[in-house]
C-alpha atoms as a PDB file:
ATOM      1  CA  UNK A   1      -2.295  15.503  11.620  1.00  0.00           C
ATOM      2  CA  UNK A   2       0.800  15.956   9.474  1.00  0.00           C
ATOM      3  CA  UNK A   3       1.111  14.016   6.212  1.00  0.00           C
ATOM      4  CA  UNK A   4       4.868  14.616   6.106  1.00  0.00           C
ATOM      5  CA  UNK A   5       7.025  11.555   6.780  1.00  0.00           C
ATOM      6  CA  UNK A   6      10.292  11.889   8.653  1.00  0.00           C
ATOM      7  CA  UNK A   7      11.455   8.319   8.010  1.00  0.00           C
ATOM      8  CA  UNK A   8      10.137   5.454   5.875  1.00  0.00           C
ATOM      9  CA  UNK A   9      11.255   1.847   6.391  1.00  0.00           C
ATOM     10  CA  UNK A  10      10.290  -0.687   3.732  1.00  0.00           C
ATOM     11  CA  UNK A  11      10.297  -4.465   4.050  1.00  0.00           C
ATOM     12  CA  UNK A  12       9.241  -6.213   0.843  1.00  0.00           C
ATOM     13  CA  UNK A  13       8.027  -9.208   2.862  1.00  0.00           C
ATOM     14  CA  UNK A  14       6.486  -7.420   5.874  1.00  0.00           C
ATOM     15  CA  UNK A  15       5.246  -3.951   4.920  1.00  0.00           C
ATOM     16  CA  UNK A  16       5.918  -0.264   5.420  1.00  0.00           C
ATOM     17  CA  UNK A  17       6.664   1.655   8.612  1.00  0.00           C
ATOM     18  CA  UNK A  18       6.463   5.453   8.657  1.00  0.00           C
ATOM     19  CA  UNK A  19       7.623   7.810  11.383  1.00  0.00           C
ATOM     20  CA  UNK A  20       5.837  11.118  10.829  1.00  0.00           C
ATOM     21  CA  UNK A  21       7.315  14.567  11.535  1.00  0.00           C
ATOM     22  CA  UNK A  22       4.809  15.033  14.366  1.00  0.00           C
ATOM     23  CA  UNK A  23       6.237  11.923  16.089  1.00  0.00           C
ATOM     24  CA  UNK A  24       3.383   9.556  15.234  1.00  0.00           C
ATOM     25  CA  UNK A  25       4.406   6.099  13.969  1.00  0.00           C
ATOM     26  CA  UNK A  26       2.401   3.968  11.544  1.00  0.00           C
ATOM     27  CA  UNK A  27       2.923   0.310  10.676  1.00  0.00           C
ATOM     28  CA  UNK A  28       1.273  -1.000   7.479  1.00  0.00           C
ATOM     29  CA  UNK A  29       1.365  -4.798   7.008  1.00  0.00           C
ATOM     30  CA  UNK A  30       1.473  -6.077   3.415  1.00  0.00           C
ATOM     31  CA  UNK A  31      -2.081  -7.454   3.302  1.00  0.00           C
ATOM     32  CA  UNK A  32      -3.445  -4.227   4.816  1.00  0.00           C
ATOM     33  CA  UNK A  33      -1.700  -2.133   2.148  1.00  0.00           C
ATOM     34  CA  UNK A  34      -2.805  -4.387  -0.695  1.00  0.00           C
ATOM     35  CA  UNK A  35      -6.400  -4.404   0.583  1.00  0.00           C
ATOM     36  CA  UNK A  36      -6.353  -0.583   0.802  1.00  0.00           C
ATOM     37  CA  UNK A  37      -4.909   0.056  -2.652  1.00  0.00           C
ATOM     38  CA  UNK A  38      -6.132   3.513  -3.750  1.00  0.00           C
ATOM     39  CA  UNK A  39      -6.006   2.909  -7.520  1.00  0.00           C
ATOM     40  CA  UNK A  40      -9.182   3.459  -9.542  1.00  0.00           C
ATOM     41  CA  UNK A  41      -9.734  -0.262 -10.179  1.00  0.00           C
ATOM     42  CA  UNK A  42      -9.335  -1.315  -6.544  1.00  0.00           C
ATOM     43  CA  UNK A  43     -11.317   1.667  -5.252  1.00  0.00           C
ATOM     44  CA  UNK A  44     -14.107   0.705  -7.698  1.00  0.00           C
ATOM     45  CA  UNK A  45     -14.256   4.165  -9.258  1.00  0.00           C
ATOM     46  CA  UNK A  46     -14.474   2.699 -12.772  1.00  0.00           C
ATOM     47  CA  UNK A  47     -17.088   0.310 -14.059  1.00  0.00           C
ATOM     48  CA  UNK A  48     -14.508  -1.929 -15.717  1.00  0.00           C
ATOM     49  CA  UNK A  49     -13.867  -5.356 -14.249  1.00  0.00           C
ATOM     50  CA  UNK A  50     -10.703  -5.720 -12.175  1.00  0.00           C
ATOM     51  CA  UNK A  51      -7.595  -6.544 -14.159  1.00  0.00           C
ATOM     52  CA  UNK A  52      -6.438 -10.152 -13.866  1.00  0.00           C
ATOM     53  CA  UNK A  53      -2.987 -10.296 -12.213  1.00  0.00           C
ATOM     54  CA  UNK A  54      -0.197 -10.737 -14.756  1.00  0.00           C
ATOM     55  CA  UNK A  55       1.480 -13.529 -12.806  1.00  0.00           C
ATOM     56  CA  UNK A  56      -1.670 -15.534 -12.100  1.00  0.00           C
ATOM     57  CA  UNK A  57      -0.869 -19.144 -11.268  1.00  0.00           C
ATOM     58  CA  UNK A  58      -2.341 -21.859 -13.494  1.00  0.00           C
ATOM     59  CA  UNK A  59      -2.829 -23.793 -10.244  1.00  0.00           C
ATOM     60  CA  UNK A  60      -5.857 -22.222  -8.513  1.00  0.00           C
ATOM     61  CA  UNK A  61      -5.008 -23.670  -5.087  1.00  0.00           C
ATOM     62  CA  UNK A  62      -1.491 -22.227  -5.045  1.00  0.00           C
ATOM     63  CA  UNK A  63      -1.046 -18.568  -4.210  1.00  0.00           C
ATOM     64  CA  UNK A  64       2.466 -17.242  -3.706  1.00  0.00           C
ATOM     65  CA  UNK A  65       3.004 -15.240  -0.527  1.00  0.00           C
ATOM     66  CA  UNK A  66       2.164 -11.576  -1.010  1.00  0.00           C
ATOM     67  CA  UNK A  67       5.288  -9.440  -1.431  1.00  0.00           C
ATOM     68  CA  UNK A  68       6.281  -6.049  -2.713  1.00  0.00           C
ATOM     69  CA  UNK A  69       8.317  -6.269  -5.920  1.00  0.00           C
ATOM     70  CA  UNK A  70       9.388  -2.633  -5.709  1.00  0.00           C
ATOM     71  CA  UNK A  71       8.486   0.775  -4.344  1.00  0.00           C
ATOM     72  CA  UNK A  72       9.226   3.983  -6.196  1.00  0.00           C
ATOM     73  CA  UNK A  73       8.831   7.574  -5.012  1.00  0.00           C
ATOM     74  CA  UNK A  74       6.285   9.683  -6.875  1.00  0.00           C
ATOM     75  CA  UNK A  75       7.505  13.249  -6.551  1.00  0.00           C
ATOM     76  CA  UNK A  76       7.684  14.285  -2.910  1.00  0.00           C
ATOM     77  CA  UNK A  77       4.128  13.244  -2.107  1.00  0.00           C
ATOM     78  CA  UNK A  78       3.616   9.509  -2.665  1.00  0.00           C
ATOM     79  CA  UNK A  79       4.934   5.985  -3.167  1.00  0.00           C
ATOM     80  CA  UNK A  80       4.096   3.679  -6.079  1.00  0.00           C
ATOM     81  CA  UNK A  81       3.915   0.077  -4.852  1.00  0.00           C
ATOM     82  CA  UNK A  82       4.397  -2.743  -7.356  1.00  0.00           C
ATOM     83  CA  UNK A  83       3.110  -6.086  -6.047  1.00  0.00           C
ATOM     84  CA  UNK A  84       4.144  -9.635  -6.903  1.00  0.00           C
ATOM     85  CA  UNK A  85       0.522 -10.406  -7.854  1.00  0.00           C
ATOM     86  CA  UNK A  86       0.990  -8.256 -10.968  1.00  0.00           C
ATOM     87  CA  UNK A  87      -0.722  -5.132  -9.621  1.00  0.00           C
ATOM     88  CA  UNK A  88       1.286  -2.030 -10.538  1.00  0.00           C
ATOM     89  CA  UNK A  89      -0.978   1.032 -10.354  1.00  0.00           C
ATOM     90  CA  UNK A  90      -1.367   1.828  -6.656  1.00  0.00           C
ATOM     91  CA  UNK A  91      -0.019   5.288  -5.852  1.00  0.00           C
ATOM     92  CA  UNK A  92      -0.214   5.804  -2.081  1.00  0.00           C
ATOM     93  CA  UNK A  93       0.072   9.494  -1.207  1.00  0.00           C
ATOM     94  CA  UNK A  94       1.491  10.361   2.208  1.00  0.00           C
ATOM     95  CA  UNK A  95      -1.852  11.979   3.014  1.00  0.00           C
ATOM     96  CA  UNK A  96      -3.578   8.673   2.178  1.00  0.00           C
ATOM     97  CA  UNK A  97      -1.053   6.681   4.246  1.00  0.00           C
ATOM     98  CA  UNK A  98      -1.791   8.893   7.229  1.00  0.00           C
ATOM     99  CA  UNK A  99      -5.555   8.679   6.716  1.00  0.00           C
ATOM    100  CA  UNK A 100      -5.509   4.851   6.664  1.00  0.00           C
ATOM    101  CA  UNK A 101      -3.146   4.456   9.627  1.00  0.00           C
ATOM    102  CA  UNK A 102      -4.278   1.216  11.317  1.00  0.00           C
ATOM    103  CA  UNK A 103      -2.994   2.015  14.810  1.00  0.00           C
ATOM    104  CA  UNK A 104      -5.480   2.003  17.731  1.00  0.00           C
ATOM    105  CA  UNK A 105      -4.975   5.732  18.315  1.00  0.00           C
ATOM    106  CA  UNK A 106      -6.045   6.606  14.760  1.00  0.00           C
ATOM    107  CA  UNK A 107      -8.869   4.056  14.702  1.00  0.00           C
ATOM    108  CA  UNK A 108     -10.555   5.741  17.660  1.00  0.00           C
ATOM    109  CA  UNK A 109      -9.726   9.301  16.591  1.00  0.00           C
END
């Protein structure tokens, strides 16, 4: 299992697709990525309560569609995803991306 990406395609409204150097391909839908955020708050590694999203709607029934505001490289090992729900601290390492690959092959392996 190689955590080195060969190509990364980003769609702010659909998700991230990575072609790995070993030929494996991974597709990460937006909701899947957001639900698997590795930051300390989302991973529950701190006792503090989750941070309220900055752009929380005053209308509790309305939730804007989940989107990526921006993605920035972190060195040569990760991507920082900034979400439209105000969350800005999720650094997804390439090793983590590969470990959470949702494809059937990885799910059974």
